C-alpha atoms as a PDB file:
ATOM      1  CA  MET A   1       9.989 147.870  42.456  1.00  0.00           C
ATOM      2  CA  GLN A   2      12.565 146.943  45.199  1.00  0.00           C
ATOM      3  CA  LEU A   3      14.807 144.118  44.699  1.00  0.00           C
ATOM      4  CA  CYS A   4      14.959 141.712  47.442  1.00  0.00           C
ATOM      5  CA  ASN A   5      17.726 142.266  49.212  1.00  0.00           C
ATOM      6  CA  PRO A   6      19.475 140.817  52.344  1.00  0.00           C
ATOM      7  CA  PHE A   7      20.948 144.180  53.519  1.00  0.00           C
ATOM      8  CA  LEU A   8      18.336 146.550  53.273  1.00  0.00           C
ATOM      9  CA  LYS A   9      16.423 147.136  56.485  1.00  0.00           C
ATOM     10  CA  ASP A  10      12.626 147.779  55.765  1.00  0.00           C
ATOM     11  CA  PRO A  11      10.662 148.682  59.283  1.00  0.00           C
ATOM     12  CA  GLY A  12       7.546 147.818  57.564  1.00  0.00           C
ATOM     13  CA  LEU A  13       8.327 144.248  57.627  1.00  0.00           C
ATOM     14  CA  LYS A  14       7.288 143.995  61.240  1.00  0.00           C
ATOM     15  CA  GLU A  15       3.889 144.325  60.454  1.00  0.00           C
ATOM     16  CA  ILE A  16       3.744 140.865  58.546  1.00  0.00           C
ATOM     17  CA  LYS A  17       1.769 138.011  60.234  1.00  0.00           C
ATOM     18  CA  GLY A  18       1.697 136.336  57.619  1.00  0.00           C
ATOM     19  CA  ILE A  19       2.754 135.450  54.147  1.00  0.00           C
ATOM     20  CA  VAL A  20       0.675 133.274  51.388  1.00  0.00           C
ATOM     21  CA  PHE A  21       2.351 131.807  48.383  1.00  0.00           C
ATOM     22  CA  ASP A  22       1.161 130.756  45.192  1.00  0.00           C
ATOM     23  CA  CYS A  23       1.787 127.259  44.236  1.00  0.00           C
ATOM     24  CA  ASP A  24       2.924 126.487  40.229  1.00  0.00           C
ATOM     25  CA  GLY A  25       5.624 128.923  39.120  1.00  0.00           C
ATOM     26  CA  VAL A  26       6.782 129.713  43.114  1.00  0.00           C
ATOM     27  CA  LEU A  27       6.275 126.594  45.284  1.00  0.00           C
ATOM     28  CA  PHE A  28       7.531 124.511  42.212  1.00  0.00           C
ATOM     29  CA  ASP A  29       8.829 124.612  39.059  1.00  0.00           C
ATOM     30  CA  SER A  30       5.611 122.597  37.480  1.00  0.00           C
ATOM     31  CA  LYS A  31       5.155 124.342  33.765  1.00  0.00           C
ATOM     32  CA  ASP A  32       6.535 121.410  32.129  1.00  0.00           C
ATOM     33  CA  VAL A  33       5.032 118.963  34.146  1.00  0.00           C
ATOM     34  CA  ASN A  34       1.526 120.948  33.531  1.00  0.00           C
ATOM     35  CA  ILE A  35       1.710 121.252  29.881  1.00  0.00           C
ATOM     36  CA  HIS A  36       2.342 117.416  29.662  1.00  0.00           C
ATOM     37  CA  PHE A  37      -0.742 116.866  31.402  1.00  0.00           C
ATOM     38  CA  TYR A  38      -2.972 119.042  29.057  1.00  0.00           C
ATOM     39  CA  ASN A  39      -1.169 117.826  25.801  1.00  0.00           C
ATOM     40  CA  GLN A  40      -2.309 114.666  26.997  1.00  0.00           C
ATOM     41  CA  VAL A  41      -5.971 115.823  27.751  1.00  0.00           C
ATOM     42  CA  ARG A  42      -6.162 117.277  24.001  1.00  0.00           C
ATOM     43  CA  SER A  43      -4.342 114.390  22.151  1.00  0.00           C
ATOM     44  CA  CYS A  44      -7.448 112.379  23.614  1.00  0.00           C
ATOM     45  CA  PHE A  45      -9.568 114.758  21.554  1.00  0.00           C
ATOM     46  CA  ASP A  46      -6.941 114.551  18.611  1.00  0.00           C
ATOM     47  CA  LEU A  47      -5.988 117.805  19.259  1.00  0.00           C
ATOM     48  CA  SER A  48      -2.432 119.161  18.286  1.00  0.00           C
ATOM     49  CA  PRO A  49      -0.006 120.447  21.207  1.00  0.00           C
ATOM     50  CA  MET A  50      -1.089 123.643  22.813  1.00  0.00           C
ATOM     51  CA  SER A  51       0.382 126.884  21.631  1.00  0.00           C
ATOM     52  CA  LYS A  52       2.209 128.918  23.862  1.00  0.00           C
ATOM     53  CA  GLU A  53      -0.531 131.415  24.635  1.00  0.00           C
ATOM     54  CA  GLN A  54      -2.677 128.153  25.627  1.00  0.00           C
ATOM     55  CA  GLU A  55       0.636 127.067  27.604  1.00  0.00           C
ATOM     56  CA  ASP A  56       0.865 130.429  29.828  1.00  0.00           C
ATOM     57  CA  PHE A  57      -2.948 130.163  30.462  1.00  0.00           C
ATOM     58  CA  VAL A  58      -3.087 127.101  31.824  1.00  0.00           C
ATOM     59  CA  HIS A  59      -0.123 127.763  34.106  1.00  0.00           C
ATOM     60  CA  MET A  60      -2.266 130.213  35.920  1.00  0.00           C
ATOM     61  CA  HIS A  61      -5.654 129.348  35.714  1.00  0.00           C
ATOM     62  CA  SER A  62      -7.505 126.644  37.225  1.00  0.00           C
ATOM     63  CA  VAL A  63      -8.239 123.527  35.758  1.00  0.00           C
ATOM     64  CA  GLN A  64     -12.265 123.878  34.750  1.00  0.00           C
ATOM     65  CA  GLU A  65     -11.212 127.317  32.920  1.00  0.00           C
ATOM     66  CA  SER A  66      -8.269 125.343  31.311  1.00  0.00           C
ATOM     67  CA  PHE A  67     -10.252 122.777  29.690  1.00  0.00           C
ATOM     68  CA  ASN A  68     -12.590 125.361  28.570  1.00  0.00           C
ATOM     69  CA  HIS A  69     -10.198 127.662  27.202  1.00  0.00           C
ATOM     70  CA  ILE A  70      -7.995 124.369  25.217  1.00  0.00           C
ATOM     71  CA  LEU A  71     -11.196 122.141  24.754  1.00  0.00           C
ATOM     72  CA  PRO A  72     -13.750 121.951  21.753  1.00  0.00           C
ATOM     73  CA  LEU A  73     -17.018 123.158  22.706  1.00  0.00           C
ATOM     74  CA  GLY A  74     -19.257 120.349  24.405  1.00  0.00           C
ATOM     75  CA  TYR A  75     -15.804 118.582  25.813  1.00  0.00           C
ATOM     76  CA  GLU A  76     -17.788 117.787  28.874  1.00  0.00           C
ATOM     77  CA  SER A  77     -19.677 114.762  27.533  1.00  0.00           C
ATOM     78  CA  GLU A  78     -16.549 112.978  26.587  1.00  0.00           C
ATOM     79  CA  LEU A  79     -13.915 114.152  29.215  1.00  0.00           C
ATOM     80  CA  SER A  80     -15.490 111.351  31.796  1.00  0.00           C
ATOM     81  CA  LYS A  81     -14.664 108.375  28.852  1.00  0.00           C
ATOM     82  CA  ILE A  82     -11.269 109.605  28.921  1.00  0.00           C
ATOM     83  CA  LYS A  83     -10.697 109.676  32.812  1.00  0.00           C
ATOM     84  CA  ASP A  84      -9.080 107.071  33.562  1.00  0.00           C
ATOM     85  CA  LYS A  85      -6.333 107.971  30.895  1.00  0.00           C
ATOM     86  CA  LEU A  86      -5.594 111.093  32.689  1.00  0.00           C
ATOM     87  CA  ASP A  87      -3.525 110.213  36.154  1.00  0.00           C
ATOM     88  CA  TYR A  88      -1.806 113.412  36.848  1.00  0.00           C
ATOM     89  CA  SER A  89      -0.903 112.073  40.237  1.00  0.00           C
ATOM     90  CA  SER A  90       1.475 109.875  38.230  1.00  0.00           C
ATOM     91  CA  LEU A  91       3.437 112.984  37.261  1.00  0.00           C
ATOM     92  CA  LEU A  92       3.875 114.860  40.662  1.00  0.00           C
ATOM     93  CA  PRO A  93       7.369 113.218  41.128  1.00  0.00           C
ATOM     94  CA  HIS A  94       8.655 115.245  38.179  1.00  0.00           C
ATOM     95  CA  MET A  95       7.639 118.595  39.631  1.00  0.00           C
ATOM     96  CA  ARG A  96      10.756 120.381  40.864  1.00  0.00           C
ATOM     97  CA  MET A  97      10.172 122.271  44.646  1.00  0.00           C
ATOM     98  CA  GLU A  98      11.756 125.511  44.127  1.00  0.00           C
ATOM     99  CA  GLU A  99      15.715 125.443  46.418  1.00  0.00           C
ATOM    100  CA  GLY A 100      15.333 127.295  49.455  1.00  0.00           C
ATOM    101  CA  LEU A 101      11.671 126.945  49.986  1.00  0.00           C
ATOM    102  CA  VAL A 102      11.734 124.315  52.947  1.00  0.00           C
ATOM    103  CA  GLU A 103      14.576 126.673  55.088  1.00  0.00           C
ATOM    104  CA  LEU A 104      12.181 129.603  54.547  1.00  0.00           C
ATOM    105  CA  LEU A 105       9.155 127.600  55.737  1.00  0.00           C
ATOM    106  CA  GLU A 106      11.482 126.608  58.513  1.00  0.00           C
ATOM    107  CA  LEU A 107      12.807 129.932  59.313  1.00  0.00           C
ATOM    108  CA  LEU A 108       9.035 131.415  59.152  1.00  0.00           C
ATOM    109  CA  SER A 109       7.374 128.888  61.765  1.00  0.00           C
ATOM    110  CA  LEU A 110      10.589 129.828  64.019  1.00  0.00           C
ATOM    111  CA  ARG A 111       9.211 133.928  63.999  1.00  0.00           C
ATOM    112  CA  LYS A 112       5.837 132.932  64.604  1.00  0.00           C
ATOM    113  CA  ILE A 113       4.924 134.118  60.485  1.00  0.00           C
ATOM    114  CA  LYS A 114       1.754 132.054  59.231  1.00  0.00           C
ATOM    115  CA  THR A 115       2.166 130.333  56.100  1.00  0.00           C
ATOM    116  CA  ALA A 116      -0.901 129.905  53.613  1.00  0.00           C
ATOM    117  CA  ILE A 117      -1.070 128.771  49.792  1.00  0.00           C
ATOM    118  CA  ASN A 118      -3.532 130.190  47.614  1.00  0.00           C
ATOM    119  CA  THR A 119      -3.639 128.508  44.135  1.00  0.00           C
ATOM    120  CA  ASN A 120      -6.061 127.562  41.141  1.00  0.00           C
ATOM    121  CA  ARG A 121      -5.136 123.955  41.640  1.00  0.00           C
ATOM    122  CA  THR A 122      -8.151 122.212  42.457  1.00  0.00           C
ATOM    123  CA  THR A 123      -8.021 118.210  44.031  1.00  0.00           C
ATOM    124  CA  THR A 124      -4.415 117.744  43.388  1.00  0.00           C
ATOM    125  CA  MET A 125      -3.041 119.937  45.879  1.00  0.00           C
ATOM    126  CA  ASP A 126      -3.111 117.559  48.673  1.00  0.00           C
ATOM    127  CA  LEU A 127      -1.368 114.893  47.096  1.00  0.00           C
ATOM    128  CA  LEU A 128       1.425 117.190  46.067  1.00  0.00           C
ATOM    129  CA  LEU A 129       1.941 118.559  49.271  1.00  0.00           C
ATOM    130  CA  ALA A 130       2.165 115.375  50.463  1.00  0.00           C
ATOM    131  CA  THR A 131       4.388 114.161  47.796  1.00  0.00           C
ATOM    132  CA  PHE A 132       6.883 116.405  48.489  1.00  0.00           C
ATOM    133  CA  GLY A 133       6.654 116.148  52.676  1.00  0.00           C
ATOM    134  CA  LEU A 134       4.939 120.298  52.820  1.00  0.00           C
ATOM    135  CA  ASP A 135       1.628 119.885  53.793  1.00  0.00           C
ATOM    136  CA  LYS A 136       2.455 120.605  57.519  1.00  0.00           C
ATOM    137  CA  TYR A 137       3.883 124.157  57.106  1.00  0.00           C
ATOM    138  CA  PHE A 138       0.670 125.619  55.646  1.00  0.00           C
ATOM    139  CA  TRP A 139      -2.933 126.458  56.736  1.00  0.00           C
ATOM    140  CA  PRO A 140      -4.973 126.960  55.038  1.00  0.00           C
ATOM    141  CA  VAL A 141      -4.264 125.838  52.191  1.00  0.00           C
ATOM    142  CA  VAL A 142      -6.936 127.762  49.349  1.00  0.00           C
ATOM    143  CA  THR A 143      -7.633 126.040  46.044  1.00  0.00           C
ATOM    144  CA  ALA A 144     -10.520 127.138  43.177  1.00  0.00           C
ATOM    145  CA  SER A 145     -12.499 124.465  44.597  1.00  0.00           C
ATOM    146  CA  ASP A 146     -12.737 126.292  48.112  1.00  0.00           C
ATOM    147  CA  VAL A 147     -14.009 129.541  46.593  1.00  0.00           C
ATOM    148  CA  SER A 148     -16.898 130.643  44.389  1.00  0.00           C
ATOM    149  CA  ARG A 149     -14.812 132.966  42.278  1.00  0.00           C
ATOM    150  CA  PRO A 150     -10.923 132.100  42.212  1.00  0.00           C
ATOM    151  CA  LYS A 151      -8.266 134.218  41.284  1.00  0.00           C
ATOM    152  CA  PRO A 152      -7.516 136.639  39.911  1.00  0.00           C
ATOM    153  CA  HIS A 153     -10.967 137.466  42.386  1.00  0.00           C
ATOM    154  CA  PRO A 154      -9.291 138.047  45.587  1.00  0.00           C
ATOM    155  CA  GLU A 155     -12.028 136.090  47.374  1.00  0.00           C
ATOM    156  CA  SER A 156      -9.124 133.638  48.254  1.00  0.00           C
ATOM    157  CA  LEU A 157      -7.352 135.976  50.041  1.00  0.00           C
ATOM    158  CA  PHE A 158     -10.175 137.381  51.953  1.00  0.00           C
ATOM    159  CA  LYS A 159     -10.983 134.229  53.137  1.00  0.00           C
ATOM    160  CA  ILE A 160      -7.271 133.059  54.258  1.00  0.00           C
ATOM    161  CA  MET A 161      -7.300 136.865  55.934  1.00  0.00           C
ATOM    162  CA  ASP A 162     -10.694 135.832  57.574  1.00  0.00           C
ATOM    163  CA  ILE A 163      -9.085 132.295  58.860  1.00  0.00           C
ATOM    164  CA  TRP A 164      -5.723 133.837  60.277  1.00  0.00           C
ATOM    165  CA  SER A 165      -8.163 137.153  61.731  1.00  0.00           C
ATOM    166  CA  VAL A 166      -5.307 139.705  60.031  1.00  0.00           C
ATOM    167  CA  SER A 167      -5.667 142.491  58.280  1.00  0.00           C
ATOM    168  CA  ALA A 168      -4.575 143.062  54.550  1.00  0.00           C
ATOM    169  CA  ARG A 169      -1.704 144.994  55.879  1.00  0.00           C
ATOM    170  CA  GLU A 170      -0.400 142.190  57.931  1.00  0.00           C
ATOM    171  CA  MET A 171       0.017 139.659  54.830  1.00  0.00           C
ATOM    172  CA  VAL A 172       1.900 139.181  52.183  1.00  0.00           C
ATOM    173  CA  PHE A 173       0.985 137.074  48.970  1.00  0.00           C
ATOM    174  CA  ILE A 174       4.163 136.129  46.722  1.00  0.00           C
ATOM    175  CA  GLY A 175       3.161 135.259  43.214  1.00  0.00           C
ATOM    176  CA  ASP A 176       4.643 134.929  39.758  1.00  0.00           C
ATOM    177  CA  SER A 177       1.949 135.679  37.205  1.00  0.00           C
ATOM    178  CA  ILE A 178      -0.547 138.808  36.342  1.00  0.00           C
ATOM    179  CA  VAL A 179      -3.061 136.264  37.825  1.00  0.00           C
ATOM    180  CA  ASP A 180      -1.320 136.604  41.250  1.00  0.00           C
ATOM    181  CA  GLN A 181      -0.799 140.426  41.057  1.00  0.00           C
ATOM    182  CA  GLU A 182      -4.778 141.170  40.210  1.00  0.00           C
ATOM    183  CA  THR A 183      -5.633 139.141  42.903  1.00  0.00           C
ATOM    184  CA  ALA A 184      -3.313 140.950  45.471  1.00  0.00           C
ATOM    185  CA  GLN A 185      -4.304 144.290  44.233  1.00  0.00           C
ATOM    186  CA  GLY A 186      -8.295 143.350  44.540  1.00  0.00           C
ATOM    187  CA  ALA A 187      -7.390 142.420  48.102  1.00  0.00           C
ATOM    188  CA  ASP A 188      -5.398 145.701  49.199  1.00  0.00           C
ATOM    189  CA  VAL A 189      -2.419 143.065  50.152  1.00  0.00           C
ATOM    190  CA  GLN A 190       1.371 143.646  49.216  1.00  0.00           C
ATOM    191  CA  PHE A 191       2.251 141.862  46.447  1.00  0.00           C
ATOM    192  CA  TRP A 192       6.211 140.299  46.141  1.00  0.00           C
ATOM    193  CA  GLY A 193       6.695 138.819  42.821  1.00  0.00           C
ATOM    194  CA  TYR A 194       8.660 135.499  42.297  1.00  0.00           C
ATOM    195  CA  LYS A 195      11.111 135.647  39.452  1.00  0.00           C
ATOM    196  CA  ASN A 196       9.094 137.802  37.069  1.00  0.00           C
ATOM    197  CA  ASP A 197      10.368 141.483  36.845  1.00  0.00           C
ATOM    198  CA  GLY A 198       7.415 142.214  34.908  1.00  0.00           C
ATOM    199  CA  LEU A 199       4.804 142.406  37.346  1.00  0.00           C
ATOM    200  CA  GLN A 200       3.929 145.546  39.472  1.00  0.00           C
ATOM    201  CA  ALA A 201       5.132 144.335  42.816  1.00  0.00           C
ATOM    202  CA  LYS A 202       6.762 145.893  46.050  1.00  0.00           C
ATOM    203  CA  MET A 203       9.555 143.539  46.008  1.00  0.00           C
ATOM    204  CA  LEU A 204      10.843 140.855  43.502  1.00  0.00           C
ATOM    205  CA  VAL A 205      12.452 138.027  44.932  1.00  0.00           C
ATOM    206  CA  PRO A 206      14.805 136.232  42.913  1.00  0.00           C
ATOM    207  CA  ASP A 207      14.798 132.715  45.037  1.00  0.00           C
ATOM    208  CA  PHE A 208      14.075 131.712  48.213  1.00  0.00           C
ATOM    209  CA  TRP A 209      17.488 131.855  49.821  1.00  0.00           C
ATOM    210  CA  ILE A 210      17.856 135.499  48.870  1.00  0.00           C
ATOM    211  CA  LEU A 211      14.694 136.229  50.977  1.00  0.00           C
ATOM    212  CA  ARG A 212      15.209 133.985  53.691  1.00  0.00           C
ATOM    213  CA  ASP A 213      18.321 136.139  54.337  1.00  0.00           C
ATOM    214  CA  PHE A 214      16.388 139.315  53.729  1.00  0.00           C
ATOM    215  CA  LEU A 215      13.738 138.176  56.475  1.00  0.00           C
ATOM    216  CA  MET A 216      16.063 136.857  58.593  1.00  0.00           C
ATOM    217  CA  ARG A 217      17.905 140.468  58.713  1.00  0.00           C
ATOM    218  CA  ASN A 218      14.448 142.337  59.020  1.00  0.00           C
ATOM    219  CA  LEU A 219      12.405 139.982  61.229  1.00  0.00           C
ATOM    220  CA  ASP A 220      14.922 140.124  64.438  1.00  0.00           C
END
């Protein structure tokens, strides 16, 4: 895996017409907020806090898949009764946007590089982007609700390709998990790992400031 290096020239970047971002762990450091939310849900069922394995699972998967994984069988009949107690929107202001993100997005906009989001979030995505003033930067925003088979199935990336009218070689997917890696592999899309050197990625992105410098030099 190649480290994102602002002094490294990579002519292959000239083909890129769009960059797709995962949300949790890439755009935002949201793991602690998500853990708090899902533990709140578990407490409504008199369950103890999640294990480390469960914490990792809910970080990567959709709400429905996460509920299926961390709640007892038959939870659906009880969930409607506690819905009013589950206010994820109150947690959104406590999420931390990754440093350098806006500056990177401004550069990509200037260079006419398309940007989209591919996430296993569902109903919270629009509110999250609006809360941080990011909604103007991304199109489309593909969530687990927009596809019949969420990540790691590649349907979401194929959907973005179709909307953008680009080929797989003209697109990059930036993610931080094995689920993101498998999604990119399934769509034959170049994958860049974000702050995770344990993934099979074409490039490791340590932070968005370094990526911005790298692209500034290689997209000119």
